[in-house]
Amino acid sequence: MLKVAVLVSGGGSNLQSILDYGQDSFKVEMVIGSKDGIYGLERAKNAGIPIHVVSRKEYGNETSNKILELTKGKVDLIVLAGYLSILDGEILKEFKDKIINIHPSLIPSFCGDKMYGMHVHNAVRKSGVKFTGCTVHFVNEEVDGGSIILQEVVPVYFKDTAEDIQKRVLVEEHKLLPRAIDLFSRGKIEIIDGRVNILK
């Protein structure tokens, strides 16, 4: 069974969707929070999952190394579920093609540096695009630059607020992220020339 570490920075609704998925192909071994007091850690506690807090305030440039120390040899996949810090350094080599992230837009649109959370949905609304969505992708040295695994599209309506868009996208995030973990756990994802092929 695939062992998973989930990293969270807020309420942890994506973490909950992973815990609720109900598949026996993977197991969440630990949840790592970016700060104390976030509800994502409460969700983990309620599910009986070991938690750790690795804050940038405490660890600074060593944040990614501390996460590597906690996960190396203990998990097979790291999942960023609304995790707002950028991973860098050795962890990206140690877990090459074994870190996935959910992003609240259709990459390569509305992504990259400083494009996270409501910044994305505000930019989507302002742009006038008629569709947005979410993307599960592998994590590499480039922010939001790793191979795309899965995407889902949602409509954007003229009267939408950024909050309306966020809610609609979140519904799809909750389906897409656990599905991507399940595909990974069953060996259904292959990367060829930087592109992901989903095997039948």
N, C-alpha and C. Protein backbone atom coordinates (compact mmCIF):
# COMPACT_ATOMS: atom_id res chain seq x y z
N MET A 1 0.84 -1.20 0.00
CA MET A 1 0.00 0.00 0.00
C MET A 1 0.87 1.25 0.00
N LEU A 2 0.50 2.21 -0.85
CA LEU A 2 1.25 3.46 -0.97
C LEU A 2 1.12 4.30 0.30
N LYS A 3 2.26 4.74 0.82
CA LYS A 3 2.26 5.59 2.02
C LYS A 3 2.39 7.05 1.59
N VAL A 4 1.51 7.88 2.12
CA VAL A 4 1.40 9.27 1.68
C VAL A 4 1.60 10.23 2.85
N ALA A 5 2.34 11.32 2.60
CA ALA A 5 2.39 12.47 3.51
C ALA A 5 1.63 13.60 2.86
N VAL A 6 0.74 14.24 3.61
CA VAL A 6 -0.03 15.37 3.09
C VAL A 6 0.41 16.64 3.79
N LEU A 7 0.72 17.68 3.01
CA LEU A 7 1.14 18.98 3.54
C LEU A 7 0.00 19.97 3.40
N VAL A 8 -0.31 20.67 4.50
CA VAL A 8 -1.44 21.60 4.51
C VAL A 8 -1.02 22.95 5.09
N SER A 9 -1.78 24.00 4.70
CA SER A 9 -1.51 25.34 5.23
C SER A 9 -2.76 26.01 5.79
N GLY A 10 -3.92 25.35 5.67
CA GLY A 10 -5.16 26.01 6.08
C GLY A 10 -6.19 25.03 6.59
N GLY A 11 -7.40 25.19 6.08
CA GLY A 11 -8.54 24.42 6.56
C GLY A 11 -8.49 22.93 6.28
N GLY A 12 -7.75 22.55 5.26
CA GLY A 12 -7.55 21.13 4.99
C GLY A 12 -8.72 20.42 4.34
N SER A 13 -9.54 21.16 3.55
CA SER A 13 -10.68 20.49 2.90
C SER A 13 -10.20 19.48 1.86
N ASN A 14 -9.08 19.77 1.20
CA ASN A 14 -8.53 18.79 0.26
C ASN A 14 -8.00 17.56 0.99
N LEU A 15 -7.41 17.77 2.16
CA LEU A 15 -6.99 16.64 3.00
C LEU A 15 -8.21 15.78 3.33
N GLN A 16 -9.31 16.42 3.70
CA GLN A 16 -10.52 15.66 4.04
C GLN A 16 -11.01 14.84 2.86
N SER A 17 -10.92 15.41 1.67
CA SER A 17 -11.36 14.67 0.48
C SER A 17 -10.50 13.43 0.24
N ILE A 18 -9.21 13.53 0.59
CA ILE A 18 -8.31 12.38 0.48
C ILE A 18 -8.69 11.31 1.51
N LEU A 19 -8.95 11.76 2.74
CA LEU A 19 -9.31 10.83 3.81
C LEU A 19 -10.66 10.15 3.53
N ASP A 20 -11.55 10.87 2.86
CA ASP A 20 -12.89 10.35 2.59
C ASP A 20 -12.95 9.49 1.33
N TYR A 21 -11.87 9.42 0.60
CA TYR A 21 -11.89 8.76 -0.73
C TYR A 21 -12.25 7.28 -0.64
N GLY A 22 -11.82 6.65 0.45
CA GLY A 22 -12.27 5.29 0.70
C GLY A 22 -11.61 4.20 -0.13
N GLN A 23 -10.47 4.50 -0.73
CA GLN A 23 -9.76 3.47 -1.48
C GLN A 23 -8.76 2.77 -0.56
N ASP A 24 -8.45 1.54 -0.87
CA ASP A 24 -7.47 0.83 -0.04
C ASP A 24 -6.11 0.73 -0.74
N SER A 25 -5.90 1.62 -1.73
CA SER A 25 -4.63 1.58 -2.48
C SER A 25 -3.57 2.49 -1.86
N PHE A 26 -4.00 3.38 -0.97
CA PHE A 26 -3.04 4.27 -0.32
C PHE A 26 -3.49 4.60 1.09
N LYS A 27 -2.51 5.06 1.89
CA LYS A 27 -2.80 5.41 3.29
C LYS A 27 -2.04 6.67 3.66
N VAL A 28 -2.72 7.61 4.30
CA VAL A 28 -2.07 8.83 4.78
C VAL A 28 -1.33 8.50 6.07
N GLU A 29 -0.01 8.57 6.00
CA GLU A 29 0.85 8.20 7.14
C GLU A 29 1.08 9.37 8.09
N MET A 30 1.11 10.58 7.52
CA MET A 30 1.36 11.77 8.34
C MET A 30 0.82 13.00 7.64
N VAL A 31 0.51 14.01 8.44
CA VAL A 31 0.11 15.32 7.92
C VAL A 31 1.06 16.35 8.50
N ILE A 32 1.62 17.18 7.62
CA ILE A 32 2.57 18.22 8.03
C ILE A 32 1.93 19.58 7.77
N GLY A 33 1.82 20.38 8.82
CA GLY A 33 1.23 21.71 8.69
C GLY A 33 2.30 22.79 8.64
N SER A 34 1.98 23.88 7.94
CA SER A 34 2.94 24.98 7.81
C SER A 34 2.92 25.92 9.01
N LYS A 35 1.93 25.73 9.90
CA LYS A 35 1.90 26.51 11.15
C LYS A 35 0.94 25.84 12.13
N ASP A 36 1.07 26.22 13.39
CA ASP A 36 0.18 25.71 14.44
C ASP A 36 -1.22 26.28 14.26
N GLY A 37 -2.20 25.55 14.79
CA GLY A 37 -3.54 26.11 14.90
C GLY A 37 -4.41 26.06 13.65
N ILE A 38 -3.91 25.48 12.57
CA ILE A 38 -4.73 25.40 11.35
C ILE A 38 -5.67 24.20 11.44
N TYR A 39 -6.83 24.33 10.82
CA TYR A 39 -7.85 23.30 10.97
C TYR A 39 -7.46 22.00 10.27
N GLY A 40 -6.60 22.10 9.27
CA GLY A 40 -6.12 20.89 8.60
C GLY A 40 -5.49 19.91 9.58
N LEU A 41 -4.78 20.43 10.59
CA LEU A 41 -4.15 19.57 11.60
C LEU A 41 -5.20 18.92 12.50
N GLU A 42 -6.28 19.66 12.77
CA GLU A 42 -7.39 19.10 13.56
C GLU A 42 -8.03 17.93 12.81
N ARG A 43 -8.20 18.09 11.51
CA ARG A 43 -8.77 17.01 10.70
C ARG A 43 -7.91 15.75 10.81
N ALA A 44 -6.59 15.95 10.76
CA ALA A 44 -5.67 14.81 10.86
C ALA A 44 -5.79 14.16 12.24
N LYS A 45 -5.80 14.98 13.29
CA LYS A 45 -5.93 14.45 14.65
C LYS A 45 -7.21 13.64 14.79
N ASN A 46 -8.32 14.19 14.26
CA ASN A 46 -9.62 13.52 14.34
C ASN A 46 -9.60 12.17 13.64
N ALA A 47 -8.73 12.05 12.63
CA ALA A 47 -8.62 10.79 11.87
C ALA A 47 -7.54 9.88 12.45
N GLY A 48 -6.90 10.32 13.55
CA GLY A 48 -5.87 9.50 14.18
C GLY A 48 -4.57 9.44 13.42
N ILE A 49 -4.29 10.48 12.64
CA ILE A 49 -3.07 10.51 11.82
C ILE A 49 -2.01 11.37 12.52
N PRO A 50 -0.77 10.89 12.61
CA PRO A 50 0.30 11.68 13.24
C PRO A 50 0.50 13.02 12.53
N ILE A 51 0.71 14.08 13.32
CA ILE A 51 0.91 15.41 12.74
C ILE A 51 2.26 15.99 13.14
N HIS A 52 2.75 16.87 12.27
CA HIS A 52 3.98 17.63 12.53
C HIS A 52 3.73 19.06 12.09
N VAL A 53 4.41 19.99 12.72
CA VAL A 53 4.35 21.38 12.28
C VAL A 53 5.76 21.81 11.88
N VAL A 54 5.88 22.26 10.65
CA VAL A 54 7.17 22.77 10.15
C VAL A 54 6.91 24.16 9.60
N SER A 55 7.15 25.16 10.43
CA SER A 55 6.85 26.53 10.01
C SER A 55 8.10 27.21 9.45
N ARG A 56 7.86 28.02 8.43
CA ARG A 56 8.97 28.78 7.84
C ARG A 56 9.51 29.78 8.85
N LYS A 57 8.64 30.23 9.74
CA LYS A 57 9.05 31.17 10.79
C LYS A 57 10.13 30.53 11.67
N GLU A 58 9.97 29.25 11.96
CA GLU A 58 10.92 28.55 12.83
C GLU A 58 12.13 28.03 12.06
N TYR A 59 11.88 27.46 10.87
CA TYR A 59 12.95 26.75 10.16
C TYR A 59 13.57 27.55 9.01
N GLY A 60 12.92 28.63 8.59
CA GLY A 60 13.48 29.48 7.53
C GLY A 60 13.87 28.69 6.29
N ASN A 61 15.11 28.88 5.84
CA ASN A 61 15.58 28.21 4.63
C ASN A 61 15.73 26.69 4.78
N GLU A 62 15.63 26.21 6.01
CA GLU A 62 15.76 24.77 6.27
C GLU A 62 14.40 24.05 6.26
N THR A 63 13.33 24.78 5.93
CA THR A 63 11.98 24.21 5.96
C THR A 63 11.88 22.94 5.13
N SER A 64 12.31 23.00 3.88
CA SER A 64 12.21 21.83 2.99
C SER A 64 13.06 20.67 3.50
N ASN A 65 14.23 21.00 4.08
CA ASN A 65 15.09 19.94 4.62
C ASN A 65 14.46 19.25 5.82
N LYS A 66 13.76 20.03 6.64
CA LYS A 66 13.06 19.45 7.80
C LYS A 66 11.94 18.51 7.34
N ILE A 67 11.22 18.93 6.30
CA ILE A 67 10.16 18.07 5.75
C ILE A 67 10.76 16.80 5.17
N LEU A 68 11.91 16.93 4.52
CA LEU A 68 12.60 15.75 3.98
C LEU A 68 12.99 14.80 5.11
N GLU A 69 13.49 15.37 6.19
CA GLU A 69 13.89 14.57 7.35
C GLU A 69 12.70 13.76 7.90
N LEU A 70 11.53 14.37 7.90
CA LEU A 70 10.32 13.70 8.42
C LEU A 70 9.79 12.62 7.48
N THR A 71 10.00 12.82 6.18
CA THR A 71 9.35 11.95 5.18
C THR A 71 10.25 10.88 4.57
N LYS A 72 11.56 11.14 4.52
CA LYS A 72 12.48 10.22 3.84
C LYS A 72 12.43 8.82 4.46
N GLY A 73 12.20 7.82 3.61
CA GLY A 73 12.14 6.44 4.07
C GLY A 73 10.85 6.05 4.75
N LYS A 74 9.94 7.04 4.91
CA LYS A 74 8.68 6.76 5.62
C LYS A 74 7.46 6.82 4.71
N VAL A 75 7.57 7.60 3.62
CA VAL A 75 6.43 7.69 2.70
C VAL A 75 6.92 7.53 1.25
N ASP A 76 5.96 7.21 0.38
CA ASP A 76 6.26 7.01 -1.04
C ASP A 76 5.87 8.21 -1.90
N LEU A 77 4.94 9.02 -1.37
CA LEU A 77 4.41 10.16 -2.14
C LEU A 77 4.13 11.31 -1.18
N ILE A 78 4.49 12.52 -1.61
CA ILE A 78 4.15 13.73 -0.85
C ILE A 78 3.08 14.49 -1.63
N VAL A 79 2.01 14.85 -0.93
CA VAL A 79 0.89 15.55 -1.57
C VAL A 79 0.74 16.93 -0.95
N LEU A 80 0.81 17.96 -1.80
CA LEU A 80 0.59 19.33 -1.33
C LEU A 80 -0.89 19.64 -1.52
N ALA A 81 -1.62 19.73 -0.41
CA ALA A 81 -3.07 19.94 -0.46
C ALA A 81 -3.38 21.30 0.14
N GLY A 82 -3.25 22.34 -0.70
CA GLY A 82 -3.42 23.69 -0.19
C GLY A 82 -2.24 24.12 0.66
N TYR A 83 -1.06 23.65 0.29
CA TYR A 83 0.18 23.99 1.01
C TYR A 83 0.81 25.18 0.30
N LEU A 84 1.07 26.26 1.04
CA LEU A 84 1.43 27.53 0.40
C LEU A 84 2.92 27.83 0.35
N SER A 85 3.75 27.05 1.04
CA SER A 85 5.19 27.27 0.95
C SER A 85 5.76 26.57 -0.29
N ILE A 86 6.88 27.06 -0.76
CA ILE A 86 7.54 26.46 -1.92
C ILE A 86 8.60 25.47 -1.43
N LEU A 87 8.54 24.24 -1.92
CA LEU A 87 9.58 23.26 -1.58
C LEU A 87 10.80 23.48 -2.48
N ASP A 88 11.97 23.32 -1.91
CA ASP A 88 13.18 23.48 -2.72
C ASP A 88 14.29 22.57 -2.20
N GLY A 89 15.38 22.54 -2.94
CA GLY A 89 16.56 21.80 -2.50
C GLY A 89 16.45 20.29 -2.65
N GLU A 90 17.03 19.59 -1.70
CA GLU A 90 17.25 18.14 -1.78
C GLU A 90 15.96 17.33 -1.88
N ILE A 91 14.90 17.82 -1.27
CA ILE A 91 13.64 17.06 -1.28
C ILE A 91 13.11 16.86 -2.70
N LEU A 92 13.39 17.82 -3.58
CA LEU A 92 12.93 17.71 -4.98
C LEU A 92 13.68 16.61 -5.73
N LYS A 93 14.93 16.36 -5.31
CA LYS A 93 15.70 15.26 -5.92
C LYS A 93 15.31 13.92 -5.31
N GLU A 94 15.21 13.91 -3.99
CA GLU A 94 14.90 12.67 -3.26
C GLU A 94 13.51 12.13 -3.65
N PHE A 95 12.58 13.06 -3.86
CA PHE A 95 11.20 12.68 -4.21
C PHE A 95 10.86 13.11 -5.64
N LYS A 96 11.81 12.97 -6.54
CA LYS A 96 11.56 13.34 -7.95
C LYS A 96 10.39 12.53 -8.50
N ASP A 97 9.42 13.24 -9.08
CA ASP A 97 8.19 12.62 -9.62
C ASP A 97 7.41 11.87 -8.54
N LYS A 98 7.60 12.29 -7.30
CA LYS A 98 6.86 11.69 -6.18
C LYS A 98 6.29 12.77 -5.25
N ILE A 99 6.17 13.99 -5.79
CA ILE A 99 5.48 15.08 -5.09
C ILE A 99 4.42 15.62 -6.04
N ILE A 100 3.17 15.69 -5.58
CA ILE A 100 2.12 16.25 -6.42
C ILE A 100 1.45 17.41 -5.70
N ASN A 101 0.89 18.32 -6.50
CA ASN A 101 0.25 19.52 -5.98
C ASN A 101 -1.08 19.73 -6.70
N ILE A 102 -2.03 20.33 -5.99
CA ILE A 102 -3.28 20.75 -6.63
C ILE A 102 -3.24 22.27 -6.77
N HIS A 103 -3.50 22.76 -7.98
CA HIS A 103 -3.49 24.21 -8.24
C HIS A 103 -4.87 24.63 -8.74
N PRO A 104 -5.40 25.77 -8.24
CA PRO A 104 -6.77 26.14 -8.57
C PRO A 104 -6.95 26.91 -9.88
N SER A 105 -6.28 26.45 -10.92
CA SER A 105 -6.54 26.97 -12.27
C SER A 105 -6.09 25.92 -13.27
N LEU A 106 -6.33 26.21 -14.54
CA LEU A 106 -5.89 25.30 -15.60
C LEU A 106 -4.48 25.73 -16.03
N ILE A 107 -3.48 25.12 -15.42
CA ILE A 107 -2.09 25.40 -15.79
C ILE A 107 -1.93 25.12 -17.29
N PRO A 108 -1.25 25.98 -18.06
CA PRO A 108 -0.33 27.04 -17.65
C PRO A 108 -0.95 28.43 -17.45
N SER A 109 -2.28 28.53 -17.38
CA SER A 109 -2.89 29.83 -17.10
C SER A 109 -2.97 30.08 -15.59
N PHE A 110 -2.80 31.33 -15.21
CA PHE A 110 -2.99 31.76 -13.82
C PHE A 110 -2.19 30.91 -12.82
N CYS A 111 -0.91 30.79 -13.10
CA CYS A 111 -0.04 30.02 -12.20
C CYS A 111 1.32 30.69 -12.09
N GLY A 112 2.18 30.11 -11.28
CA GLY A 112 3.52 30.65 -11.10
C GLY A 112 3.64 31.47 -9.83
N ASP A 113 4.68 32.27 -9.76
CA ASP A 113 5.01 33.03 -8.55
C ASP A 113 3.86 33.93 -8.12
N LYS A 114 3.50 33.87 -6.84
CA LYS A 114 2.46 34.69 -6.20
C LYS A 114 1.05 34.38 -6.69
N MET A 115 0.90 33.33 -7.49
CA MET A 115 -0.44 32.94 -7.94
C MET A 115 -0.92 31.75 -7.10
N TYR A 116 -1.59 32.06 -6.01
CA TYR A 116 -2.12 31.01 -5.14
C TYR A 116 -3.41 31.52 -4.51
N GLY A 117 -4.24 30.60 -4.04
CA GLY A 117 -5.46 30.95 -3.32
C GLY A 117 -6.33 31.94 -4.08
N MET A 118 -6.83 32.94 -3.35
CA MET A 118 -7.76 33.91 -3.95
C MET A 118 -7.10 34.79 -5.01
N HIS A 119 -5.78 34.90 -4.99
CA HIS A 119 -5.09 35.67 -6.05
C HIS A 119 -5.44 35.08 -7.42
N VAL A 120 -5.50 33.75 -7.47
CA VAL A 120 -5.82 33.07 -8.73
C VAL A 120 -7.23 33.40 -9.16
N HIS A 121 -8.19 33.25 -8.25
CA HIS A 121 -9.60 33.43 -8.62
C HIS A 121 -9.92 34.89 -8.96
N ASN A 122 -9.26 35.82 -8.27
CA ASN A 122 -9.42 37.24 -8.62
C ASN A 122 -8.89 37.52 -10.02
N ALA A 123 -7.74 36.92 -10.35
CA ALA A 123 -7.15 37.12 -11.68
C ALA A 123 -8.03 36.50 -12.76
N VAL A 124 -8.59 35.33 -12.46
CA VAL A 124 -9.50 34.66 -13.41
C VAL A 124 -10.70 35.56 -13.70
N ARG A 125 -11.32 36.08 -12.63
CA ARG A 125 -12.51 36.93 -12.80
C ARG A 125 -12.18 38.19 -13.61
N LYS A 126 -11.06 38.81 -13.25
CA LYS A 126 -10.66 40.06 -13.91
C LYS A 126 -10.36 39.84 -15.39
N SER A 127 -9.85 38.66 -15.73
CA SER A 127 -9.42 38.40 -17.11
C SER A 127 -10.58 38.26 -18.08
N GLY A 128 -11.75 37.86 -17.55
CA GLY A 128 -12.89 37.65 -18.44
C GLY A 128 -12.94 36.29 -19.11
N VAL A 129 -12.07 35.35 -18.72
CA VAL A 129 -12.13 34.01 -19.32
C VAL A 129 -13.47 33.36 -18.98
N LYS A 130 -13.92 32.49 -19.84
CA LYS A 130 -15.22 31.83 -19.66
C LYS A 130 -15.10 30.48 -18.95
N PHE A 131 -13.88 29.98 -18.85
CA PHE A 131 -13.64 28.71 -18.16
C PHE A 131 -12.38 28.80 -17.32
N THR A 132 -12.41 28.13 -16.19
CA THR A 132 -11.21 27.93 -15.38
C THR A 132 -11.27 26.48 -14.88
N GLY A 133 -10.58 26.19 -13.79
CA GLY A 133 -10.62 24.80 -13.32
C GLY A 133 -9.52 24.55 -12.32
N CYS A 134 -9.07 23.31 -12.27
CA CYS A 134 -7.98 22.95 -11.36
C CYS A 134 -7.07 21.93 -12.04
N THR A 135 -5.85 21.85 -11.52
CA THR A 135 -4.81 21.01 -12.10
C THR A 135 -4.07 20.27 -11.01
N VAL A 136 -3.91 18.96 -11.17
CA VAL A 136 -2.98 18.21 -10.33
C VAL A 136 -1.72 17.99 -11.15
N HIS A 137 -0.58 18.36 -10.60
CA HIS A 137 0.68 18.26 -11.35
C HIS A 137 1.81 17.81 -10.43
N PHE A 138 2.85 17.28 -11.05
CA PHE A 138 4.06 16.97 -10.30
C PHE A 138 4.78 18.26 -9.95
N VAL A 139 5.53 18.23 -8.86
CA VAL A 139 6.28 19.40 -8.39
C VAL A 139 7.73 19.26 -8.79
N ASN A 140 8.27 20.32 -9.38
CA ASN A 140 9.70 20.37 -9.68
C ASN A 140 10.26 21.73 -9.29
N GLU A 141 11.44 22.08 -9.80
CA GLU A 141 12.11 23.32 -9.38
C GLU A 141 11.35 24.58 -9.83
N GLU A 142 10.52 24.46 -10.84
CA GLU A 142 9.78 25.62 -11.35
C GLU A 142 8.41 25.66 -10.70
N VAL A 143 8.03 26.81 -10.16
CA VAL A 143 6.72 26.92 -9.50
C VAL A 143 5.60 26.61 -10.48
N ASP A 144 4.79 25.61 -10.14
CA ASP A 144 3.68 25.15 -11.00
C ASP A 144 4.15 24.67 -12.37
N GLY A 145 5.42 24.25 -12.45
CA GLY A 145 5.99 23.90 -13.75
C GLY A 145 6.10 22.42 -14.05
N GLY A 146 5.73 21.56 -13.10
CA GLY A 146 5.88 20.11 -13.31
C GLY A 146 4.82 19.53 -14.23
N SER A 147 5.03 18.30 -14.64
CA SER A 147 4.13 17.63 -15.59
C SER A 147 2.69 17.59 -15.06
N ILE A 148 1.75 17.88 -15.94
CA ILE A 148 0.33 17.90 -15.59
C ILE A 148 -0.22 16.48 -15.58
N ILE A 149 -0.87 16.11 -14.47
CA ILE A 149 -1.43 14.77 -14.33
C ILE A 149 -2.91 14.75 -14.73
N LEU A 150 -3.70 15.59 -14.06
CA LEU A 150 -5.15 15.65 -14.33
C LEU A 150 -5.61 17.10 -14.30
N GLN A 151 -6.65 17.40 -15.08
CA GLN A 151 -7.27 18.72 -15.04
C GLN A 151 -8.79 18.57 -15.11
N GLU A 152 -9.49 19.52 -14.51
CA GLU A 152 -10.94 19.56 -14.64
C GLU A 152 -11.36 21.00 -14.90
N VAL A 153 -12.35 21.17 -15.76
CA VAL A 153 -12.79 22.49 -16.20
C VAL A 153 -14.09 22.88 -15.48
N VAL A 154 -14.20 24.15 -15.11
CA VAL A 154 -15.48 24.68 -14.62
C VAL A 154 -15.79 25.99 -15.36
N PRO A 155 -17.08 26.31 -15.53
CA PRO A 155 -17.44 27.56 -16.20
C PRO A 155 -17.25 28.76 -15.29
N VAL A 156 -17.04 29.91 -15.91
CA VAL A 156 -17.00 31.18 -15.19
C VAL A 156 -18.13 32.05 -15.76
N TYR A 157 -18.99 32.53 -14.87
CA TYR A 157 -20.13 33.35 -15.29
C TYR A 157 -19.87 34.81 -15.01
N PHE A 158 -20.51 35.67 -15.80
CA PHE A 158 -20.26 37.11 -15.71
C PHE A 158 -20.53 37.65 -14.30
N LYS A 159 -21.55 37.15 -13.65
CA LYS A 159 -21.93 37.68 -12.33
C LYS A 159 -21.12 37.06 -11.19
N ASP A 160 -20.25 36.12 -11.49
CA ASP A 160 -19.45 35.46 -10.45
C ASP A 160 -18.57 36.43 -9.68
N THR A 161 -18.51 36.24 -8.36
CA THR A 161 -17.44 36.85 -7.56
C THR A 161 -16.27 35.87 -7.55
N ALA A 162 -15.13 36.33 -7.06
CA ALA A 162 -13.98 35.43 -6.94
C ALA A 162 -14.33 34.27 -6.01
N GLU A 163 -15.15 34.55 -4.99
CA GLU A 163 -15.56 33.50 -4.04
C GLU A 163 -16.44 32.45 -4.72
N ASP A 164 -17.32 32.89 -5.63
CA ASP A 164 -18.15 31.95 -6.39
C ASP A 164 -17.27 31.00 -7.21
N ILE A 165 -16.27 31.58 -7.85
CA ILE A 165 -15.35 30.78 -8.68
C ILE A 165 -14.59 29.79 -7.80
N GLN A 166 -14.11 30.29 -6.67
CA GLN A 166 -13.36 29.43 -5.74
C GLN A 166 -14.18 28.22 -5.32
N LYS A 167 -15.43 28.45 -4.95
CA LYS A 167 -16.30 27.36 -4.49
C LYS A 167 -16.51 26.31 -5.58
N ARG A 168 -16.73 26.80 -6.80
CA ARG A 168 -16.97 25.88 -7.92
C ARG A 168 -15.73 25.05 -8.24
N VAL A 169 -14.57 25.70 -8.18
CA VAL A 169 -13.31 25.00 -8.44
C VAL A 169 -13.02 23.98 -7.33
N LEU A 170 -13.30 24.37 -6.08
CA LEU A 170 -13.00 23.51 -4.94
C LEU A 170 -13.75 22.17 -5.01
N VAL A 171 -14.98 22.22 -5.50
CA VAL A 171 -15.76 20.99 -5.68
C VAL A 171 -14.99 20.00 -6.54
N GLU A 172 -14.38 20.51 -7.61
CA GLU A 172 -13.63 19.64 -8.54
C GLU A 172 -12.28 19.24 -7.95
N GLU A 173 -11.65 20.15 -7.20
CA GLU A 173 -10.38 19.81 -6.53
C GLU A 173 -10.57 18.58 -5.64
N HIS A 174 -11.67 18.56 -4.93
CA HIS A 174 -11.94 17.48 -3.98
C HIS A 174 -12.11 16.13 -4.66
N LYS A 175 -12.47 16.15 -5.93
CA LYS A 175 -12.57 14.89 -6.69
C LYS A 175 -11.23 14.53 -7.33
N LEU A 176 -10.54 15.56 -7.83
CA LEU A 176 -9.37 15.34 -8.66
C LEU A 176 -8.14 14.87 -7.88
N LEU A 177 -7.90 15.48 -6.71
CA LEU A 177 -6.67 15.17 -5.97
C LEU A 177 -6.64 13.72 -5.48
N PRO A 178 -7.71 13.21 -4.82
CA PRO A 178 -7.65 11.80 -4.41
C PRO A 178 -7.58 10.84 -5.59
N ARG A 179 -8.21 11.23 -6.70
CA ARG A 179 -8.15 10.38 -7.90
C ARG A 179 -6.72 10.27 -8.41
N ALA A 180 -5.99 11.39 -8.39
CA ALA A 180 -4.59 11.38 -8.85
C ALA A 180 -3.73 10.50 -7.94
N ILE A 181 -3.97 10.58 -6.63
CA ILE A 181 -3.21 9.73 -5.69
C ILE A 181 -3.50 8.25 -5.97
N ASP A 182 -4.76 7.95 -6.20
CA ASP A 182 -5.16 6.58 -6.48
C ASP A 182 -4.49 6.06 -7.76
N LEU A 183 -4.49 6.88 -8.80
CA LEU A 183 -3.82 6.50 -10.06
C LEU A 183 -2.33 6.25 -9.83
N PHE A 184 -1.70 7.13 -9.06
CA PHE A 184 -0.27 6.98 -8.75
C PHE A 184 -0.04 5.68 -7.99
N SER A 185 -0.89 5.42 -7.02
CA SER A 185 -0.71 4.24 -6.16
C SER A 185 -0.85 2.94 -6.95
N ARG A 186 -1.63 2.99 -8.03
CA ARG A 186 -1.85 1.78 -8.84
C ARG A 186 -0.93 1.73 -10.07
N GLY A 187 0.07 2.61 -10.09
CA GLY A 187 1.06 2.58 -11.17
C GLY A 187 0.49 2.95 -12.53
N LYS A 188 -0.53 3.82 -12.52
CA LYS A 188 -1.22 4.17 -13.78
C LYS A 188 -0.69 5.45 -14.42
N ILE A 189 0.33 6.05 -13.81
CA ILE A 189 0.86 7.31 -14.33
C ILE A 189 2.27 7.09 -14.86
N GLU A 190 2.48 7.43 -16.14
CA GLU A 190 3.84 7.40 -16.68
C GLU A 190 4.16 8.75 -17.31
N ILE A 191 5.42 9.17 -17.17
CA ILE A 191 5.85 10.45 -17.73
C ILE A 191 6.73 10.16 -18.95
N ILE A 192 6.33 10.69 -20.08
CA ILE A 192 7.10 10.53 -21.33
C ILE A 192 7.37 11.91 -21.89
N ASP A 193 8.64 12.27 -21.99
CA ASP A 193 9.04 13.58 -22.53
C ASP A 193 8.31 14.73 -21.83
N GLY A 194 8.19 14.64 -20.51
CA GLY A 194 7.59 15.72 -19.74
C GLY A 194 6.07 15.75 -19.74
N ARG A 195 5.46 14.79 -20.44
CA ARG A 195 3.99 14.71 -20.47
C ARG A 195 3.53 13.45 -19.77
N VAL A 196 2.37 13.54 -19.13
CA VAL A 196 1.84 12.38 -18.40
C VAL A 196 0.87 11.61 -19.27
N ASN A 197 1.08 10.30 -19.29
CA ASN A 197 0.14 9.38 -19.92
C ASN A 197 -0.53 8.57 -18.82
N ILE A 198 -1.87 8.57 -18.82
CA ILE A 198 -2.62 7.78 -17.84
C ILE A 198 -2.90 6.41 -18.47
N LEU A 199 -2.38 5.38 -17.84
CA LEU A 199 -2.54 4.02 -18.37
C LEU A 199 -3.91 3.47 -18.01
N LYS A 200 -4.44 2.65 -18.87
CA LYS A 200 -5.76 2.02 -18.63
C LYS A 200 -5.63 0.90 -17.63
